[in-house]
Amino acid sequence: MKPARARLRITGLVQGVFYRYNTMKRAKELGLTGWVRNVPDGSVECVVEGPTDKVQELIAWCHHGPPGARVEAVEVTWEPYQGEFEDFTIRY
């Protein structure tokens, strides 16, 4: 499977509901690398790399997120794969 990279912006009630932690946990389960962080405007931003099918699986998960989250939208921007990450982390 060809590697892929996607940048996500998730909007809705996605801060204060363990969205970042659960995104990191799911990404690691899928064997993906990258990062996730809260953005001052109340959204969550995520950059993820890995096999295309696994990246798409994480994107699908992001549309509902963890219990307590109320996702309104997930904007996906596909970027050239860079292979720059060794793990998936939460950025602050």
PDB file of N, CA and C in Angstrom:
ATOM      1  N   MET A   1       0.854  -1.184   0.000  1.00  0.00           N
ATOM      2  CA  MET A   1       0.000   0.000   0.000  1.00  0.00           C
ATOM      3  C   MET A   1       0.894   1.239   0.000  1.00  0.00           C
ATOM      4  N   LYS A   2       0.593   2.158  -0.881  1.00  0.00           N
ATOM      5  CA  LYS A   2       1.355   3.396  -1.008  1.00  0.00           C
ATOM      6  C   LYS A   2       1.193   4.253   0.251  1.00  0.00           C
ATOM      7  N   PRO A   3       2.303   4.832   0.762  1.00  0.00           N
ATOM      8  CA  PRO A   3       2.183   5.704   1.939  1.00  0.00           C
ATOM      9  C   PRO A   3       1.504   7.016   1.577  1.00  0.00           C
ATOM     10  N   ALA A   4       0.819   7.577   2.565  1.00  0.00           N
ATOM     11  CA  ALA A   4       0.075   8.821   2.361  1.00  0.00           C
ATOM     12  C   ALA A   4       0.283   9.736   3.562  1.00  0.00           C
ATOM     13  N   ARG A   5      -0.041  11.003   3.339  1.00  0.00           N
ATOM     14  CA  ARG A   5       0.009  12.004   4.407  1.00  0.00           C
ATOM     15  C   ARG A   5      -1.232  12.874   4.269  1.00  0.00           C
ATOM     16  N   ALA A   6      -1.896  13.114   5.400  1.00  0.00           N
ATOM     17  CA  ALA A   6      -3.078  13.964   5.395  1.00  0.00           C
ATOM     18  C   ALA A   6      -3.009  14.931   6.569  1.00  0.00           C
ATOM     19  N   ARG A   7      -3.501  16.134   6.333  1.00  0.00           N
ATOM     20  CA  ARG A   7      -3.651  17.140   7.391  1.00  0.00           C
ATOM     21  C   ARG A   7      -5.151  17.309   7.621  1.00  0.00           C
ATOM     22  N   LEU A   8      -5.576  17.170   8.870  1.00  0.00           N
ATOM     23  CA  LEU A   8      -6.995  17.234   9.211  1.00  0.00           C
ATOM     24  C   LEU A   8      -7.268  18.439  10.101  1.00  0.00           C
ATOM     25  N   ARG A   9      -8.419  19.029   9.909  1.00  0.00           N
ATOM     26  CA  ARG A   9      -8.933  20.055  10.820  1.00  0.00           C
ATOM     27  C   ARG A   9     -10.319  19.606  11.216  1.00  0.00           C
ATOM     28  N   ILE A  10     -10.476  19.325  12.507  1.00  0.00           N
ATOM     29  CA  ILE A  10     -11.739  18.801  13.019  1.00  0.00           C
ATOM     30  C   ILE A  10     -12.404  19.904  13.827  1.00  0.00           C
ATOM     31  N   THR A  11     -13.665  20.198  13.500  1.00  0.00           N
ATOM     32  CA  THR A  11     -14.400  21.250  14.199  1.00  0.00           C
ATOM     33  C   THR A  11     -15.624  20.665  14.892  1.00  0.00           C
ATOM     34  N   GLY A  12     -16.114  21.410  15.857  1.00  0.00           N
ATOM     35  CA  GLY A  12     -17.251  20.992  16.671  1.00  0.00           C
ATOM     36  C   GLY A  12     -16.838  21.016  18.133  1.00  0.00           C
ATOM     37  N   LEU A  13     -17.495  20.207  18.948  1.00  0.00           N
ATOM     38  CA  LEU A  13     -17.106  20.061  20.351  1.00  0.00           C
ATOM     39  C   LEU A  13     -16.030  18.982  20.408  1.00  0.00           C
ATOM     40  N   VAL A  14     -14.771  19.422  20.226  1.00  0.00           N
ATOM     41  CA  VAL A  14     -13.669  18.468  20.120  1.00  0.00           C
ATOM     42  C   VAL A  14     -12.524  18.777  21.088  1.00  0.00           C
ATOM     43  N   GLN A  15     -12.693  19.800  21.920  1.00  0.00           N
ATOM     44  CA  GLN A  15     -11.710  20.068  22.966  1.00  0.00           C
ATOM     45  C   GLN A  15     -12.364  19.825  24.315  1.00  0.00           C
ATOM     46  N   GLY A  16     -11.579  19.276  25.247  1.00  0.00           N
ATOM     47  CA  GLY A  16     -12.105  18.991  26.577  1.00  0.00           C
ATOM     48  C   GLY A  16     -12.876  17.685  26.645  1.00  0.00           C
ATOM     49  N   VAL A  17     -12.752  16.854  25.605  1.00  0.00           N
ATOM     50  CA  VAL A  17     -13.471  15.570  25.569  1.00  0.00           C
ATOM     51  C   VAL A  17     -12.513  14.422  25.257  1.00  0.00           C
ATOM     52  N   PHE A  18     -11.202  14.628  25.508  1.00  0.00           N
ATOM     53  CA  PHE A  18     -10.160  13.627  25.273  1.00  0.00           C
ATOM     54  C   PHE A  18     -10.015  13.255  23.793  1.00  0.00           C
ATOM     55  N   TYR A  19     -10.335  14.203  22.923  1.00  0.00           N
ATOM     56  CA  TYR A  19     -10.226  13.946  21.477  1.00  0.00           C
ATOM     57  C   TYR A  19      -8.777  13.678  21.072  1.00  0.00           C
ATOM     58  N   ARG A  20      -7.854  14.514  21.538  1.00  0.00           N
ATOM     59  CA  ARG A  20      -6.436  14.327  21.164  1.00  0.00           C
ATOM     60  C   ARG A  20      -5.915  12.989  21.650  1.00  0.00           C
ATOM     61  N   TYR A  21      -6.151  12.665  22.909  1.00  0.00           N
ATOM     62  CA  TYR A  21      -5.645  11.412  23.452  1.00  0.00           C
ATOM     63  C   TYR A  21      -6.197  10.213  22.675  1.00  0.00           C
ATOM     64  N   ASN A  22      -7.485  10.214  22.427  1.00  0.00           N
ATOM     65  CA  ASN A  22      -8.095   9.086  21.726  1.00  0.00           C
ATOM     66  C   ASN A  22      -7.669   9.022  20.258  1.00  0.00           C
ATOM     67  N   THR A  23      -7.405  10.173  19.643  1.00  0.00           N
ATOM     68  CA  THR A  23      -6.877  10.174  18.281  1.00  0.00           C
ATOM     69  C   THR A  23      -5.491   9.550  18.271  1.00  0.00           C
ATOM     70  N   MET A  24      -4.656   9.928  19.224  1.00  0.00           N
ATOM     71  CA  MET A  24      -3.321   9.349  19.325  1.00  0.00           C
ATOM     72  C   MET A  24      -3.396   7.839  19.538  1.00  0.00           C
ATOM     73  N   LYS A  25      -4.264   7.430  20.440  1.00  0.00           N
ATOM     74  CA  LYS A  25      -4.415   6.000  20.733  1.00  0.00           C
ATOM     75  C   LYS A  25      -4.845   5.230  19.484  1.00  0.00           C
ATOM     76  N   ARG A  26      -5.832   5.740  18.756  1.00  0.00           N
ATOM     77  CA  ARG A  26      -6.325   5.069  17.548  1.00  0.00           C
ATOM     78  C   ARG A  26      -5.250   5.049  16.458  1.00  0.00           C
ATOM     79  N   ALA A  27      -4.536   6.162  16.293  1.00  0.00           N
ATOM     80  CA  ALA A  27      -3.471   6.226  15.291  1.00  0.00           C
ATOM     81  C   ALA A  27      -2.384   5.192  15.581  1.00  0.00           C
ATOM     82  N   LYS A  28      -2.006   5.069  16.842  1.00  0.00           N
ATOM     83  CA  LYS A  28      -0.980   4.086  17.210  1.00  0.00           C
ATOM     84  C   LYS A  28      -1.473   2.669  16.965  1.00  0.00           C
ATOM     85  N   GLU A  29      -2.747   2.405  17.264  1.00  0.00           N
ATOM     86  CA  GLU A  29      -3.321   1.081  16.997  1.00  0.00           C
ATOM     87  C   GLU A  29      -3.246   0.741  15.504  1.00  0.00           C
ATOM     88  N   LEU A  30      -3.378   1.768  14.662  1.00  0.00           N
ATOM     89  CA  LEU A  30      -3.336   1.578  13.213  1.00  0.00           C
ATOM     90  C   LEU A  30      -1.910   1.595  12.656  1.00  0.00           C
ATOM     91  N   GLY A  31      -0.924   1.868  13.510  1.00  0.00           N
ATOM     92  CA  GLY A  31       0.465   1.903  13.074  1.00  0.00           C
ATOM     93  C   GLY A  31       0.838   3.173  12.325  1.00  0.00           C
ATOM     94  N   LEU A  32       0.134   4.263  12.615  1.00  0.00           N
ATOM     95  CA  LEU A  32       0.369   5.530  11.933  1.00  0.00           C
ATOM     96  C   LEU A  32       1.316   6.417  12.730  1.00  0.00           C
ATOM     97  N   THR A  33       1.900   7.402  12.058  1.00  0.00           N
ATOM     98  CA  THR A  33       2.761   8.377  12.709  1.00  0.00           C
ATOM     99  C   THR A  33       2.226   9.779  12.435  1.00  0.00           C
ATOM    100  N   GLY A  34       2.681  10.736  13.258  1.00  0.00           N
ATOM    101  CA  GLY A  34       2.251  12.121  13.083  1.00  0.00           C
ATOM    102  C   GLY A  34       1.989  12.780  14.415  1.00  0.00           C
ATOM    103  N   TRP A  35       1.040  13.705  14.424  1.00  0.00           N
ATOM    104  CA  TRP A  35       0.720  14.432  15.656  1.00  0.00           C
ATOM    105  C   TRP A  35      -0.695  14.984  15.614  1.00  0.00           C
ATOM    106  N   VAL A  36      -1.168  15.370  16.802  1.00  0.00           N
ATOM    107  CA  VAL A  36      -2.486  15.988  16.954  1.00  0.00           C
ATOM    108  C   VAL A  36      -2.352  17.101  17.994  1.00  0.00           C
ATOM    109  N   ARG A  37      -3.090  18.206  17.793  1.00  0.00           N
ATOM    110  CA  ARG A  37      -3.022  19.308  18.754  1.00  0.00           C
ATOM    111  C   ARG A  37      -4.322  20.102  18.757  1.00  0.00           C
ATOM    112  N   ASN A  38      -4.574  20.785  19.878  1.00  0.00           N
ATOM    113  CA  ASN A  38      -5.676  21.742  19.958  1.00  0.00           C
ATOM    114  C   ASN A  38      -5.244  23.035  19.276  1.00  0.00           C
ATOM    115  N   VAL A  39      -6.199  23.703  18.661  1.00  0.00           N
ATOM    116  CA  VAL A  39      -5.957  24.987  18.005  1.00  0.00           C
ATOM    117  C   VAL A  39      -6.753  26.038  18.796  1.00  0.00           C
ATOM    118  N   PRO A  40      -6.211  27.252  18.947  1.00  0.00           N
ATOM    119  CA  PRO A  40      -6.901  28.280  19.742  1.00  0.00           C
ATOM    120  C   PRO A  40      -8.347  28.556  19.327  1.00  0.00           C
ATOM    121  N   ASP A  41      -8.712  28.303  18.075  1.00  0.00           N
ATOM    122  CA  ASP A  41     -10.088  28.572  17.634  1.00  0.00           C
ATOM    123  C   ASP A  41     -11.085  27.503  18.078  1.00  0.00           C
ATOM    124  N   GLY A  42     -10.622  26.497  18.843  1.00  0.00           N
ATOM    125  CA  GLY A  42     -11.510  25.452  19.345  1.00  0.00           C
ATOM    126  C   GLY A  42     -11.514  24.179  18.513  1.00  0.00           C
ATOM    127  N   SER A  43     -10.793  24.197  17.404  1.00  0.00           N
ATOM    128  CA  SER A  43     -10.714  22.997  16.564  1.00  0.00           C
ATOM    129  C   SER A  43      -9.517  22.137  16.978  1.00  0.00           C
ATOM    130  N   VAL A  44      -9.379  20.998  16.337  1.00  0.00           N
ATOM    131  CA  VAL A  44      -8.241  20.109  16.531  1.00  0.00           C
ATOM    132  C   VAL A  44      -7.576  19.926  15.171  1.00  0.00           C
ATOM    133  N   GLU A  45      -6.251  19.988  15.153  1.00  0.00           N
ATOM    134  CA  GLU A  45      -5.484  19.777  13.928  1.00  0.00           C
ATOM    135  C   GLU A  45      -4.674  18.498  14.080  1.00  0.00           C
ATOM    136  N   CYS A  46      -4.537  17.773  12.977  1.00  0.00           N
ATOM    137  CA  CYS A  46      -3.836  16.496  13.008  1.00  0.00           C
ATOM    138  C   CYS A  46      -3.079  16.326  11.696  1.00  0.00           C
ATOM    139  N   VAL A  47      -1.847  15.861  11.769  1.00  0.00           N
ATOM    140  CA  VAL A  47      -1.088  15.459  10.590  1.00  0.00           C
ATOM    141  C   VAL A  47      -0.764  13.987  10.780  1.00  0.00           C
ATOM    142  N   VAL A  48      -1.096  13.186   9.788  1.00  0.00           N
ATOM    143  CA  VAL A  48      -0.945  11.740   9.916  1.00  0.00           C
ATOM    144  C   VAL A  48      -0.285  11.170   8.672  1.00  0.00           C
ATOM    145  N   GLU A  49       0.608  10.197   8.889  1.00  0.00           N
ATOM    146  CA  GLU A  49       1.272   9.507   7.787  1.00  0.00           C
ATOM    147  C   GLU A  49       1.213   8.005   8.001  1.00  0.00           C
ATOM    148  N   GLY A  50       1.159   7.284   6.889  1.00  0.00           N
ATOM    149  CA  GLY A  50       1.166   5.830   6.931  1.00  0.00           C
ATOM    150  C   GLY A  50       0.531   5.276   5.675  1.00  0.00           C
ATOM    151  N   PRO A  51       0.250   3.970   5.674  1.00  0.00           N
ATOM    152  CA  PRO A  51      -0.413   3.372   4.514  1.00  0.00           C
ATOM    153  C   PRO A  51      -1.755   4.058   4.247  1.00  0.00           C
ATOM    154  N   THR A  52      -2.050   4.292   2.980  1.00  0.00           N
ATOM    155  CA  THR A  52      -3.250   5.040   2.598  1.00  0.00           C
ATOM    156  C   THR A  52      -4.514   4.493   3.244  1.00  0.00           C
ATOM    157  N   ASP A  53      -4.681   3.174   3.253  1.00  0.00           N
ATOM    158  CA  ASP A  53      -5.908   2.602   3.813  1.00  0.00           C
ATOM    159  C   ASP A  53      -6.020   2.872   5.308  1.00  0.00           C
ATOM    160  N   LYS A  54      -4.898   2.858   6.020  1.00  0.00           N
ATOM    161  CA  LYS A  54      -4.912   3.125   7.466  1.00  0.00           C
ATOM    162  C   LYS A  54      -5.156   4.605   7.750  1.00  0.00           C
ATOM    163  N   VAL A  55      -4.598   5.472   6.916  1.00  0.00           N
ATOM    164  CA  VAL A  55      -4.856   6.912   7.060  1.00  0.00           C
ATOM    165  C   VAL A  55      -6.348   7.176   6.850  1.00  0.00           C
ATOM    166  N   GLN A  56      -6.927   6.546   5.834  1.00  0.00           N
ATOM    167  CA  GLN A  56      -8.358   6.714   5.572  1.00  0.00           C
ATOM    168  C   GLN A  56      -9.200   6.169   6.725  1.00  0.00           C
ATOM    169  N   GLU A  57      -8.727   5.097   7.362  1.00  0.00           N
ATOM    170  CA  GLU A  57      -9.443   4.540   8.519  1.00  0.00           C
ATOM    171  C   GLU A  57      -9.442   5.526   9.692  1.00  0.00           C
ATOM    172  N   LEU A  58      -8.303   6.193   9.913  1.00  0.00           N
ATOM    173  CA  LEU A  58      -8.254   7.200  10.981  1.00  0.00           C
ATOM    174  C   LEU A  58      -9.154   8.386  10.636  1.00  0.00           C
ATOM    175  N   ILE A  59      -9.162   8.806   9.377  1.00  0.00           N
ATOM    176  CA  ILE A  59     -10.037   9.903   8.966  1.00  0.00           C
ATOM    177  C   ILE A  59     -11.498   9.554   9.243  1.00  0.00           C
ATOM    178  N   ALA A  60     -11.889   8.326   8.916  1.00  0.00           N
ATOM    179  CA  ALA A  60     -13.266   7.880   9.182  1.00  0.00           C
ATOM    180  C   ALA A  60     -13.559   7.940  10.681  1.00  0.00           C
ATOM    181  N   TRP A  61     -12.607   7.512  11.516  1.00  0.00           N
ATOM    182  CA  TRP A  61     -12.790   7.560  12.972  1.00  0.00           C
ATOM    183  C   TRP A  61     -12.953   9.008  13.436  1.00  0.00           C
ATOM    184  N   CYS A  62     -12.191   9.931  12.851  1.00  0.00           N
ATOM    185  CA  CYS A  62     -12.227  11.331  13.258  1.00  0.00           C
ATOM    186  C   CYS A  62     -13.593  11.972  13.028  1.00  0.00           C
ATOM    187  N   HIS A  63     -14.397  11.413  12.146  1.00  0.00           N
ATOM    188  CA  HIS A  63     -15.725  11.970  11.897  1.00  0.00           C
ATOM    189  C   HIS A  63     -16.683  11.807  13.082  1.00  0.00           C
ATOM    190  N   HIS A  64     -16.374  10.887  13.988  1.00  0.00           N
ATOM    191  CA  HIS A  64     -17.208  10.762  15.197  1.00  0.00           C
ATOM    192  C   HIS A  64     -16.393  10.969  16.464  1.00  0.00           C
ATOM    193  N   GLY A  65     -15.120  10.563  16.461  1.00  0.00           N
ATOM    194  CA  GLY A  65     -14.250  10.773  17.617  1.00  0.00           C
ATOM    195  C   GLY A  65     -14.676   9.962  18.824  1.00  0.00           C
ATOM    196  N   PRO A  66     -14.176  10.339  20.004  1.00  0.00           N
ATOM    197  CA  PRO A  66     -14.486   9.615  21.229  1.00  0.00           C
ATOM    198  C   PRO A  66     -15.871   9.970  21.757  1.00  0.00           C
ATOM    199  N   PRO A  67     -16.380   9.180  22.713  1.00  0.00           N
ATOM    200  CA  PRO A  67     -17.649   9.547  23.348  1.00  0.00           C
ATOM    201  C   PRO A  67     -17.527  10.946  23.958  1.00  0.00           C
ATOM    202  N   GLY A  68     -18.540  11.741  23.821  1.00  0.00           N
ATOM    203  CA  GLY A  68     -18.518  13.105  24.336  1.00  0.00           C
ATOM    204  C   GLY A  68     -18.206  14.139  23.268  1.00  0.00           C
ATOM    205  N   ALA A  69     -17.535  13.729  22.200  1.00  0.00           N
ATOM    206  CA  ALA A  69     -17.235  14.654  21.108  1.00  0.00           C
ATOM    207  C   ALA A  69     -18.475  14.837  20.236  1.00  0.00           C
ATOM    208  N   ARG A  70     -18.610  16.021  19.682  1.00  0.00           N
ATOM    209  CA  ARG A  70     -19.677  16.322  18.720  1.00  0.00           C
ATOM    210  C   ARG A  70     -19.014  16.939  17.494  1.00  0.00           C
ATOM    211  N   VAL A  71     -18.588  16.084  16.582  1.00  0.00           N
ATOM    212  CA  VAL A  71     -17.853  16.537  15.401  1.00  0.00           C
ATOM    213  C   VAL A  71     -18.820  17.155  14.404  1.00  0.00           C
ATOM    214  N   GLU A  72     -18.513  18.368  13.983  1.00  0.00           N
ATOM    215  CA  GLU A  72     -19.313  19.046  12.959  1.00  0.00           C
ATOM    216  C   GLU A  72     -18.735  18.823  11.572  1.00  0.00           C
ATOM    217  N   ALA A  73     -17.403  18.864  11.462  1.00  0.00           N
ATOM    218  CA  ALA A  73     -16.772  18.708  10.149  1.00  0.00           C
ATOM    219  C   ALA A  73     -15.331  18.226  10.302  1.00  0.00           C
ATOM    220  N   VAL A  74     -14.877  17.514   9.283  1.00  0.00           N
ATOM    221  CA  VAL A  74     -13.484  17.101   9.189  1.00  0.00           C
ATOM    222  C   VAL A  74     -12.992  17.540   7.812  1.00  0.00           C
ATOM    223  N   GLU A  75     -12.096  18.523   7.805  1.00  0.00           N
ATOM    224  CA  GLU A  75     -11.499  18.991   6.550  1.00  0.00           C
ATOM    225  C   GLU A  75     -10.205  18.209   6.339  1.00  0.00           C
ATOM    226  N   VAL A  76     -10.054  17.606   5.173  1.00  0.00           N
ATOM    227  CA  VAL A  76      -8.881  16.792   4.866  1.00  0.00           C
ATOM    228  C   VAL A  76      -8.114  17.431   3.725  1.00  0.00           C
ATOM    229  N   THR A  77      -6.823  17.638   3.938  1.00  0.00           N
ATOM    230  CA  THR A  77      -5.924  18.110   2.894  1.00  0.00           C
ATOM    231  C   THR A  77      -4.848  17.041   2.706  1.00  0.00           C
ATOM    232  N   TRP A  78      -4.790  16.469   1.522  1.00  0.00           N
ATOM    233  CA  TRP A  78      -3.765  15.468   1.221  1.00  0.00           C
ATOM    234  C   TRP A  78      -2.478  16.186   0.855  1.00  0.00           C
ATOM    235  N   GLU A  79      -1.377  15.754   1.457  1.00  0.00           N
ATOM    236  CA  GLU A  79      -0.072  16.364   1.231  1.00  0.00           C
ATOM    237  C   GLU A  79       0.905  15.284   0.773  1.00  0.00           C
ATOM    238  N   PRO A  80       2.032  15.677   0.182  1.00  0.00           N
ATOM    239  CA  PRO A  80       3.033  14.680  -0.208  1.00  0.00           C
ATOM    240  C   PRO A  80       3.581  13.960   1.027  1.00  0.00           C
ATOM    241  N   TYR A  81       3.711  12.648   0.939  1.00  0.00           N
ATOM    242  CA  TYR A  81       4.277  11.856   2.032  1.00  0.00           C
ATOM    243  C   TYR A  81       5.716  12.293   2.267  1.00  0.00           C
ATOM    244  N   GLN A  82       6.082  12.469   3.545  1.00  0.00           N
ATOM    245  CA  GLN A  82       7.436  12.913   3.884  1.00  0.00           C
ATOM    246  C   GLN A  82       8.193  11.915   4.751  1.00  0.00           C
ATOM    247  N   GLY A  83       7.497  11.052   5.463  1.00  0.00           N
ATOM    248  CA  GLY A  83       8.165  10.069   6.311  1.00  0.00           C
ATOM    249  C   GLY A  83       8.985  10.695   7.429  1.00  0.00           C
ATOM    250  N   GLU A  84       8.530  11.826   7.946  1.00  0.00           N
ATOM    251  CA  GLU A  84       9.326  12.570   8.924  1.00  0.00           C
ATOM    252  C   GLU A  84       9.086  12.173  10.382  1.00  0.00           C
ATOM    253  N   PHE A  85       8.079  11.370  10.659  1.00  0.00           N
ATOM    254  CA  PHE A  85       7.733  11.054  12.046  1.00  0.00           C
ATOM    255  C   PHE A  85       8.132   9.628  12.417  1.00  0.00           C
ATOM    256  N   GLU A  86       8.490   9.454  13.690  1.00  0.00           N
ATOM    257  CA  GLU A  86       8.810   8.123  14.195  1.00  0.00           C
ATOM    258  C   GLU A  86       7.676   7.548  15.032  1.00  0.00           C
ATOM    259  N   ASP A  87       6.772   8.407  15.501  1.00  0.00           N
ATOM    260  CA  ASP A  87       5.703   7.993  16.402  1.00  0.00           C
ATOM    261  C   ASP A  87       4.505   8.927  16.155  1.00  0.00           C
ATOM    262  N   PHE A  88       3.437   8.705  16.897  1.00  0.00           N
ATOM    263  CA  PHE A  88       2.295   9.623  16.863  1.00  0.00           C
ATOM    264  C   PHE A  88       2.202  10.268  18.235  1.00  0.00           C
ATOM    265  N   THR A  89       2.196  11.602  18.266  1.00  0.00           N
ATOM    266  CA  THR A  89       2.254  12.323  19.536  1.00  0.00           C
ATOM    267  C   THR A  89       1.188  13.402  19.635  1.00  0.00           C
ATOM    268  N   ILE A  90       0.991  13.860  20.856  1.00  0.00           N
ATOM    269  CA  ILE A  90       0.159  15.033  21.109  1.00  0.00           C
ATOM    270  C   ILE A  90       1.096  16.223  21.197  1.00  0.00           C
ATOM    271  N   ARG A  91       0.787  17.262  20.442  1.00  0.00           N
ATOM    272  CA  ARG A  91       1.563  18.503  20.515  1.00  0.00           C
ATOM    273  C   ARG A  91       0.803  19.510  21.352  1.00  0.00           C
ATOM    274  N   TYR A  92       1.564  20.332  22.070  1.00  0.00           N
ATOM    275  CA  TYR A  92       0.968  21.354  22.928  1.00  0.00           C
ATOM    276  C   TYR A  92       1.391  22.722  22.494  1.00  0.00           C
TER     277      TYR A  92
END
